[in-house]
């Protein structure tokens, strides 16, 4: 059998609260700068594609609403029949 190496306890780094709060505004502005940079790289859909995607989503929602409604109705009737007997 293999012998296991002894695991060393994980040492936690102490947080310097003064430095944390001092760097916080820089970190927040860097975050938003990075978000803007990433949004510029996004390939946005054309208006026609957006309409097609919207219609597909709406049709899918209506379809599944009807299917779930039918299942609910059927199971309700089954439960009512079982409750009567």
PDB file of N, CA and C in Angstrom:
ATOM      1  N   UNK A   1       0.830  -1.175   0.000  1.00  0.00           N
ATOM      2  CA  UNK A   1       0.000   0.000   0.000  1.00  0.00           C
ATOM      3  C   UNK A   1       0.877   1.242   0.000  1.00  0.00           C
ATOM      4  N   UNK A   2       0.376   2.253  -0.640  1.00  0.00           N
ATOM      5  CA  UNK A   2       1.111   3.520  -0.670  1.00  0.00           C
ATOM      6  C   UNK A   2       0.940   4.243   0.652  1.00  0.00           C
ATOM      7  N   UNK A   3       2.017   4.845   1.078  1.00  0.00           N
ATOM      8  CA  UNK A   3       1.909   5.659   2.281  1.00  0.00           C
ATOM      9  C   UNK A   3       1.481   7.066   1.889  1.00  0.00           C
ATOM     10  N   UNK A   4       0.623   7.621   2.664  1.00  0.00           N
ATOM     11  CA  UNK A   4       0.147   8.971   2.383  1.00  0.00           C
ATOM     12  C   UNK A   4       1.106   9.975   2.968  1.00  0.00           C
ATOM     13  N   UNK A   5       1.307  11.026   2.195  1.00  0.00           N
ATOM     14  CA  UNK A   5       2.135  12.114   2.704  1.00  0.00           C
ATOM     15  C   UNK A   5       1.331  12.916   3.716  1.00  0.00           C
ATOM     16  N   UNK A   6       2.007  13.408   4.692  1.00  0.00           N
ATOM     17  CA  UNK A   6       1.334  14.223   5.694  1.00  0.00           C
ATOM     18  C   UNK A   6       0.905  15.541   5.067  1.00  0.00           C
ATOM     19  N   UNK A   7      -0.345  15.890   5.278  1.00  0.00           N
ATOM     20  CA  UNK A   7      -0.843  17.145   4.726  1.00  0.00           C
ATOM     21  C   UNK A   7      -0.548  18.264   5.708  1.00  0.00           C
ATOM     22  N   UNK A   8      -0.049  19.352   5.158  1.00  0.00           N
ATOM     23  CA  UNK A   8       0.262  20.499   5.984  1.00  0.00           C
ATOM     24  C   UNK A   8      -0.992  21.334   6.185  1.00  0.00           C
ATOM     25  N   UNK A   9      -1.152  21.901   7.342  1.00  0.00           N
ATOM     26  CA  UNK A   9      -2.342  22.736   7.557  1.00  0.00           C
ATOM     27  C   UNK A   9      -2.303  23.957   6.645  1.00  0.00           C
ATOM     28  N   UNK A  10      -3.470  24.337   6.158  1.00  0.00           N
ATOM     29  CA  UNK A  10      -3.582  25.484   5.265  1.00  0.00           C
ATOM     30  C   UNK A  10      -3.428  26.746   6.098  1.00  0.00           C
ATOM     31  N   UNK A  11      -2.481  27.570   5.693  1.00  0.00           N
ATOM     32  CA  UNK A  11      -2.291  28.827   6.420  1.00  0.00           C
ATOM     33  C   UNK A  11      -3.100  29.905   5.733  1.00  0.00           C
ATOM     34  N   UNK A  12      -3.865  30.616   6.508  1.00  0.00           N
ATOM     35  CA  UNK A  12      -4.684  31.691   5.958  1.00  0.00           C
ATOM     36  C   UNK A  12      -3.899  32.978   6.002  1.00  0.00           C
ATOM     37  N   UNK A  13      -4.019  33.717   4.929  1.00  0.00           N
ATOM     38  CA  UNK A  13      -3.350  35.004   4.855  1.00  0.00           C
ATOM     39  C   UNK A  13      -4.129  36.029   5.648  1.00  0.00           C
ATOM     40  N   UNK A  14      -3.437  36.789   6.458  1.00  0.00           N
ATOM     41  CA  UNK A  14      -4.109  37.821   7.239  1.00  0.00           C
ATOM     42  C   UNK A  14      -4.536  38.962   6.335  1.00  0.00           C
ATOM     43  N   UNK A  15      -5.719  39.438   6.587  1.00  0.00           N
ATOM     44  CA  UNK A  15      -6.262  40.531   5.789  1.00  0.00           C
ATOM     45  C   UNK A  15      -5.907  41.847   6.467  1.00  0.00           C
ATOM     46  N   UNK A  16      -5.227  42.702   5.704  1.00  0.00           N
ATOM     47  CA  UNK A  16      -4.979  44.044   6.208  1.00  0.00           C
ATOM     48  C   UNK A  16      -6.166  44.917   5.847  1.00  0.00           C
ATOM     49  N   UNK A  17      -7.023  45.199   6.818  1.00  0.00           N
ATOM     50  CA  UNK A  17      -8.262  45.908   6.528  1.00  0.00           C
ATOM     51  C   UNK A  17      -8.024  47.304   5.993  1.00  0.00           C
ATOM     52  N   UNK A  18      -6.999  47.962   6.490  1.00  0.00           N
ATOM     53  CA  UNK A  18      -6.715  49.311   5.987  1.00  0.00           C
ATOM     54  C   UNK A  18      -6.359  49.254   4.514  1.00  0.00           C
ATOM     55  N   UNK A  19      -5.515  48.290   4.156  1.00  0.00           N
ATOM     56  CA  UNK A  19      -5.121  48.172   2.752  1.00  0.00           C
ATOM     57  C   UNK A  19      -6.303  47.720   1.900  1.00  0.00           C
ATOM     58  N   UNK A  20      -7.142  46.847   2.451  1.00  0.00           N
ATOM     59  CA  UNK A  20      -8.316  46.378   1.716  1.00  0.00           C
ATOM     60  C   UNK A  20      -9.226  47.543   1.339  1.00  0.00           C
ATOM     61  N   UNK A  21      -9.545  48.391   2.326  1.00  0.00           N
ATOM     62  CA  UNK A  21     -10.425  49.524   2.051  1.00  0.00           C
ATOM     63  C   UNK A  21      -9.741  50.592   1.209  1.00  0.00           C
ATOM     64  N   UNK A  22      -8.417  50.650   1.286  1.00  0.00           N
ATOM     65  CA  UNK A  22      -7.684  51.615   0.472  1.00  0.00           C
ATOM     66  C   UNK A  22      -7.708  51.203  -1.004  1.00  0.00           C
ATOM     67  N   UNK A  23      -7.637  49.891  -1.266  1.00  0.00           N
ATOM     68  CA  UNK A  23      -7.620  49.395  -2.649  1.00  0.00           C
ATOM     69  C   UNK A  23      -9.015  49.149  -3.214  1.00  0.00           C
ATOM     70  N   UNK A  24     -10.034  49.218  -2.389  1.00  0.00           N
ATOM     71  CA  UNK A  24     -11.394  48.903  -2.829  1.00  0.00           C
ATOM     72  C   UNK A  24     -11.869  49.766  -4.004  1.00  0.00           C
ATOM     73  N   UNK A  25     -11.718  51.089  -3.990  1.00  0.00           N
ATOM     74  CA  UNK A  25     -12.172  51.876  -5.146  1.00  0.00           C
ATOM     75  C   UNK A  25     -11.452  51.492  -6.441  1.00  0.00           C
ATOM     76  N   UNK A  26     -10.148  51.182  -6.352  1.00  0.00           N
ATOM     77  CA  UNK A  26      -9.415  50.766  -7.552  1.00  0.00           C
ATOM     78  C   UNK A  26      -9.952  49.451  -8.088  1.00  0.00           C
ATOM     79  N   UNK A  27     -10.265  48.545  -7.182  1.00  0.00           N
ATOM     80  CA  UNK A  27     -10.764  47.242  -7.611  1.00  0.00           C
ATOM     81  C   UNK A  27     -12.148  47.351  -8.235  1.00  0.00           C
ATOM     82  N   UNK A  28     -12.979  48.230  -7.675  1.00  0.00           N
ATOM     83  CA  UNK A  28     -14.324  48.419  -8.228  1.00  0.00           C
ATOM     84  C   UNK A  28     -14.246  49.042  -9.619  1.00  0.00           C
ATOM     85  N   UNK A  29     -13.413  50.067  -9.781  1.00  0.00           N
ATOM     86  CA  UNK A  29     -13.298  50.694 -11.105  1.00  0.00           C
ATOM     87  C   UNK A  29     -12.686  49.730 -12.109  1.00  0.00           C
ATOM     88  N   UNK A  30     -11.745  48.893 -11.681  1.00  0.00           N
ATOM     89  CA  UNK A  30     -11.166  47.889 -12.592  1.00  0.00           C
ATOM     90  C   UNK A  30     -12.225  46.889 -13.026  1.00  0.00           C
ATOM     91  N   UNK A  31     -13.095  46.489 -12.101  1.00  0.00           N
ATOM     92  CA  UNK A  31     -14.169  45.562 -12.438  1.00  0.00           C
ATOM     93  C   UNK A  31     -15.065  46.149 -13.530  1.00  0.00           C
ATOM     94  N   UNK A  32     -15.512  47.396 -13.348  1.00  0.00           N
ATOM     95  CA  UNK A  32     -16.403  47.996 -14.338  1.00  0.00           C
ATOM     96  C   UNK A  32     -15.684  48.248 -15.661  1.00  0.00           C
ATOM     97  N   UNK A  33     -14.412  48.584 -15.617  1.00  0.00           N
ATOM     98  CA  UNK A  33     -13.635  48.743 -16.842  1.00  0.00           C
ATOM     99  C   UNK A  33     -13.553  47.417 -17.594  1.00  0.00           C
ATOM    100  N   UNK A  34     -13.347  46.319 -16.863  1.00  0.00           N
ATOM    101  CA  UNK A  34     -13.303  45.005 -17.488  1.00  0.00           C
ATOM    102  C   UNK A  34     -14.656  44.602 -18.063  1.00  0.00           C
ATOM    103  N   UNK A  35     -15.743  44.965 -17.369  1.00  0.00           N
ATOM    104  CA  UNK A  35     -17.084  44.654 -17.875  1.00  0.00           C
ATOM    105  C   UNK A  35     -17.328  45.372 -19.196  1.00  0.00           C
ATOM    106  N   UNK A  36     -16.976  46.646 -19.254  1.00  0.00           N
ATOM    107  CA  UNK A  36     -17.161  47.413 -20.489  1.00  0.00           C
ATOM    108  C   UNK A  36     -16.316  46.815 -21.608  1.00  0.00           C
ATOM    109  N   UNK A  37     -15.095  46.421 -21.285  1.00  0.00           N
ATOM    110  CA  UNK A  37     -14.210  45.820 -22.285  1.00  0.00           C
ATOM    111  C   UNK A  37     -14.810  44.519 -22.830  1.00  0.00           C
ATOM    112  N   UNK A  38     -15.359  43.685 -21.944  1.00  0.00           N
ATOM    113  CA  UNK A  38     -15.958  42.431 -22.392  1.00  0.00           C
ATOM    114  C   UNK A  38     -17.214  42.681 -23.222  1.00  0.00           C
ATOM    115  N   UNK A  39     -18.012  43.677 -22.848  1.00  0.00           N
ATOM    116  CA  UNK A  39     -19.226  43.958 -23.614  1.00  0.00           C
ATOM    117  C   UNK A  39     -18.909  44.461 -25.015  1.00  0.00           C
ATOM    118  N   UNK A  40     -17.770  45.095 -25.190  1.00  0.00           N
ATOM    119  CA  UNK A  40     -17.375  45.531 -26.529  1.00  0.00           C
ATOM    120  C   UNK A  40     -17.009  44.345 -27.406  1.00  0.00           C
ATOM    121  N   UNK A  41     -16.594  43.243 -26.802  1.00  0.00           N
ATOM    122  CA  UNK A  41     -16.200  42.065 -27.552  1.00  0.00           C
ATOM    123  C   UNK A  41     -17.377  41.164 -27.913  1.00  0.00           C
ATOM    124  N   UNK A  42     -18.540  41.436 -27.348  1.00  0.00           N
ATOM    125  CA  UNK A  42     -19.716  40.593 -27.581  1.00  0.00           C
ATOM    126  C   UNK A  42     -20.207  40.789 -29.004  1.00  0.00           C
ATOM    127  N   UNK A  43     -20.611  39.688 -29.631  1.00  0.00           N
ATOM    128  CA  UNK A  43     -21.230  39.767 -30.946  1.00  0.00           C
ATOM    129  C   UNK A  43     -22.732  39.867 -30.728  1.00  0.00           C
ATOM    130  N   UNK A  44     -23.266  41.046 -30.937  1.00  0.00           N
ATOM    131  CA  UNK A  44     -24.682  41.274 -30.687  1.00  0.00           C
ATOM    132  C   UNK A  44     -25.504  40.802 -31.876  1.00  0.00           C
ATOM    133  N   UNK A  45     -26.693  40.212 -31.661  1.00  0.00           N
ATOM    134  CA  UNK A  45     -27.519  39.744 -32.779  1.00  0.00           C
ATOM    135  C   UNK A  45     -28.134  40.916 -33.540  1.00  0.00           C
ATOM    136  N   UNK A  46     -28.399  40.662 -34.791  1.00  0.00           N
ATOM    137  CA  UNK A  46     -29.080  41.665 -35.620  1.00  0.00           C
ATOM    138  C   UNK A  46     -30.551  41.722 -35.208  1.00  0.00           C
ATOM    139  N   UNK A  47     -31.225  42.793 -35.613  1.00  0.00           N
ATOM    140  CA  UNK A  47     -32.623  42.992 -35.215  1.00  0.00           C
ATOM    141  C   UNK A  47     -33.509  41.843 -35.718  1.00  0.00           C
ATOM    142  N   UNK A  48     -33.284  41.362 -36.940  1.00  0.00           N
ATOM    143  CA  UNK A  48     -34.088  40.270 -37.491  1.00  0.00           C
ATOM    144  C   UNK A  48     -33.871  38.986 -36.682  1.00  0.00           C
ATOM    145  N   UNK A  49     -32.626  38.700 -36.349  1.00  0.00           N
ATOM    146  CA  UNK A  49     -32.336  37.511 -35.545  1.00  0.00           C
ATOM    147  C   UNK A  49     -32.990  37.601 -34.179  1.00  0.00           C
ATOM    148  N   UNK A  50     -32.973  38.788 -33.602  1.00  0.00           N
ATOM    149  CA  UNK A  50     -33.569  38.984 -32.288  1.00  0.00           C
ATOM    150  C   UNK A  50     -35.074  38.715 -32.318  1.00  0.00           C
ATOM    151  N   UNK A  51     -35.745  39.158 -33.370  1.00  0.00           N
ATOM    152  CA  UNK A  51     -37.176  38.882 -33.509  1.00  0.00           C
ATOM    153  C   UNK A  51     -37.431  37.385 -33.644  1.00  0.00           C
ATOM    154  N   UNK A  52     -36.603  36.703 -34.429  1.00  0.00           N
ATOM    155  CA  UNK A  52     -36.772  35.251 -34.610  1.00  0.00           C
ATOM    156  C   UNK A  52     -36.592  34.535 -33.280  1.00  0.00           C
ATOM    157  N   UNK A  53     -35.552  34.894 -32.531  1.00  0.00           N
ATOM    158  CA  UNK A  53     -35.311  34.267 -31.226  1.00  0.00           C
ATOM    159  C   UNK A  53     -36.464  34.538 -30.265  1.00  0.00           C
ATOM    160  N   UNK A  54     -36.997  35.762 -30.299  1.00  0.00           N
ATOM    161  CA  UNK A  54     -38.103  36.113 -29.412  1.00  0.00           C
ATOM    162  C   UNK A  54     -39.336  35.290 -29.743  1.00  0.00           C
ATOM    163  N   UNK A  55     -39.629  35.130 -31.013  1.00  0.00           N
ATOM    164  CA  UNK A  55     -40.803  34.346 -31.427  1.00  0.00           C
ATOM    165  C   UNK A  55     -40.623  32.883 -31.034  1.00  0.00           C
ATOM    166  N   UNK A  56     -39.423  32.350 -31.221  1.00  0.00           N
ATOM    167  CA  UNK A  56     -39.161  30.958 -30.840  1.00  0.00           C
ATOM    168  C   UNK A  56     -39.381  30.772 -29.334  1.00  0.00           C
ATOM    169  N   UNK A  57     -38.894  31.692 -28.540  1.00  0.00           N
ATOM    170  CA  UNK A  57     -39.063  31.593 -27.081  1.00  0.00           C
ATOM    171  C   UNK A  57     -40.537  31.669 -26.711  1.00  0.00           C
ATOM    172  N   UNK A  58     -41.289  32.596 -27.297  1.00  0.00           N
ATOM    173  CA  UNK A  58     -42.707  32.743 -26.967  1.00  0.00           C
ATOM    174  C   UNK A  58     -43.509  31.511 -27.376  1.00  0.00           C
ATOM    175  N   UNK A  59     -43.225  30.966 -28.556  1.00  0.00           N
ATOM    176  CA  UNK A  59     -43.924  29.755 -29.009  1.00  0.00           C
ATOM    177  C   UNK A  59     -43.598  28.589 -28.083  1.00  0.00           C
ATOM    178  N   UNK A  60     -42.353  28.470 -27.684  1.00  0.00           N
ATOM    179  CA  UNK A  60     -41.956  27.389 -26.777  1.00  0.00           C
ATOM    180  C   UNK A  60     -42.656  27.522 -25.429  1.00  0.00           C
ATOM    181  N   UNK A  61     -42.751  28.740 -24.908  1.00  0.00           N
ATOM    182  CA  UNK A  61     -43.428  28.961 -23.629  1.00  0.00           C
ATOM    183  C   UNK A  61     -44.899  28.581 -23.733  1.00  0.00           C
ATOM    184  N   UNK A  62     -45.566  28.994 -24.807  1.00  0.00           N
ATOM    185  CA  UNK A  62     -46.990  28.664 -24.983  1.00  0.00           C
ATOM    186  C   UNK A  62     -47.168  27.153 -25.099  1.00  0.00           C
ATOM    187  N   UNK A  63     -46.301  26.502 -25.863  1.00  0.00           N
ATOM    188  CA  UNK A  63     -46.390  25.047 -26.043  1.00  0.00           C
ATOM    189  C   UNK A  63     -46.278  24.323 -24.707  1.00  0.00           C
ATOM    190  N   UNK A  64     -45.251  24.662 -23.920  1.00  0.00           N
ATOM    191  CA  UNK A  64     -45.062  23.977 -22.647  1.00  0.00           C
ATOM    192  C   UNK A  64     -46.142  24.354 -21.630  1.00  0.00           C
ATOM    193  N   UNK A  65     -46.698  25.542 -21.721  1.00  0.00           N
ATOM    194  CA  UNK A  65     -47.806  25.906 -20.842  1.00  0.00           C
ATOM    195  C   UNK A  65     -49.019  25.044 -21.140  1.00  0.00           C
ATOM    196  N   UNK A  66     -49.286  24.803 -22.418  1.00  0.00           N
ATOM    197  CA  UNK A  66     -50.411  23.954 -22.802  1.00  0.00           C
ATOM    198  C   UNK A  66     -50.170  22.512 -22.352  1.00  0.00           C
ATOM    199  N   UNK A  67     -48.966  21.997 -22.575  1.00  0.00           N
ATOM    200  CA  UNK A  67     -48.655  20.622 -22.177  1.00  0.00           C
ATOM    201  C   UNK A  67     -48.776  20.462 -20.660  1.00  0.00           C
ATOM    202  N   UNK A  68     -48.205  21.383 -19.896  1.00  0.00           N
ATOM    203  CA  UNK A  68     -48.299  21.292 -18.443  1.00  0.00           C
ATOM    204  C   UNK A  68     -49.738  21.451 -17.964  1.00  0.00           C
ATOM    205  N   UNK A  69     -50.510  22.308 -18.616  1.00  0.00           N
ATOM    206  CA  UNK A  69     -51.923  22.461 -18.267  1.00  0.00           C
ATOM    207  C   UNK A  69     -52.700  21.176 -18.501  1.00  0.00           C
ATOM    208  N   UNK A  70     -52.406  20.493 -19.630  1.00  0.00           N
ATOM    209  CA  UNK A  70     -53.076  19.217 -19.901  1.00  0.00           C
ATOM    210  C   UNK A  70     -52.697  18.165 -18.866  1.00  0.00           C
ATOM    211  N   UNK A  71     -51.421  18.063 -18.534  1.00  0.00           N
ATOM    212  CA  UNK A  71     -51.000  17.114 -17.505  1.00  0.00           C
ATOM    213  C   UNK A  71     -51.675  17.414 -16.169  1.00  0.00           C
ATOM    214  N   UNK A  72     -51.750  18.668 -15.822  1.00  0.00           N
ATOM    215  CA  UNK A  72     -52.386  19.062 -14.563  1.00  0.00           C
ATOM    216  C   UNK A  72     -53.857  18.661 -14.568  1.00  0.00           C
ATOM    217  N   UNK A  73     -54.532  18.919 -15.673  1.00  0.00           N
ATOM    218  CA  UNK A  73     -55.950  18.568 -15.789  1.00  0.00           C
ATOM    219  C   UNK A  73     -56.142  17.060 -15.687  1.00  0.00           C
ATOM    220  N   UNK A  74     -55.307  16.292 -16.392  1.00  0.00           N
ATOM    221  CA  UNK A  74     -55.432  14.827 -16.380  1.00  0.00           C
ATOM    222  C   UNK A  74     -55.171  14.280 -14.981  1.00  0.00           C
ATOM    223  N   UNK A  75     -54.102  14.743 -14.335  1.00  0.00           N
ATOM    224  CA  UNK A  75     -53.799  14.238 -12.995  1.00  0.00           C
ATOM    225  C   UNK A  75     -54.866  14.656 -11.980  1.00  0.00           C
ATOM    226  N   UNK A  76     -55.438  15.824 -12.159  1.00  0.00           N
ATOM    227  CA  UNK A  76     -56.524  16.258 -11.276  1.00  0.00           C
ATOM    228  C   UNK A  76     -57.720  15.330 -11.407  1.00  0.00           C
ATOM    229  N   UNK A  77     -58.076  14.988 -12.640  1.00  0.00           N
ATOM    230  CA  UNK A  77     -59.205  14.066 -12.852  1.00  0.00           C
ATOM    231  C   UNK A  77     -58.906  12.694 -12.260  1.00  0.00           C
ATOM    232  N   UNK A  78     -57.671  12.217 -12.407  1.00  0.00           N
ATOM    233  CA  UNK A  78     -57.304  10.907 -11.844  1.00  0.00           C
ATOM    234  C   UNK A  78     -57.420  10.930 -10.334  1.00  0.00           C
ATOM    235  N   UNK A  79     -56.942  11.991  -9.689  1.00  0.00           N
ATOM    236  CA  UNK A  79     -57.029  12.104  -8.241  1.00  0.00           C
ATOM    237  C   UNK A  79     -58.487  12.180  -7.799  1.00  0.00           C
ATOM    238  N   UNK A  80     -59.341  12.908  -8.539  1.00  0.00           N
ATOM    239  CA  UNK A  80     -60.755  12.981  -8.194  1.00  0.00           C
ATOM    240  C   UNK A  80     -61.429  11.620  -8.302  1.00  0.00           C
ATOM    241  N   UNK A  81     -61.082  10.852  -9.344  1.00  0.00           N
ATOM    242  CA  UNK A  81     -61.645   9.513  -9.494  1.00  0.00           C
ATOM    243  C   UNK A  81     -61.201   8.607  -8.361  1.00  0.00           C
ATOM    244  N   UNK A  82     -59.963   8.685  -7.959  1.00  0.00           N
ATOM    245  CA  UNK A  82     -59.450   7.848  -6.869  1.00  0.00           C
ATOM    246  C   UNK A  82     -60.069   8.280  -5.529  1.00  0.00           C
ATOM    247  N   UNK A  83     -60.343   9.552  -5.370  1.00  0.00           N
ATOM    248  CA  UNK A  83     -60.915  10.030  -4.117  1.00  0.00           C
ATOM    249  C   UNK A  83     -62.373   9.603  -3.957  1.00  0.00           C
ATOM    250  N   UNK A  84     -63.098   9.454  -5.055  1.00  0.00           N
ATOM    251  CA  UNK A  84     -64.498   9.063  -5.012  1.00  0.00           C
ATOM    252  C   UNK A  84     -64.670   7.595  -4.636  1.00  0.00           C
ATOM    253  N   UNK A  85     -63.715   6.766  -5.025  1.00  0.00           N
ATOM    254  CA  UNK A  85     -63.891   5.326  -4.776  1.00  0.00           C
ATOM    255  C   UNK A  85     -63.393   4.892  -3.437  1.00  0.00           C
TER     256      UNK A  85
END
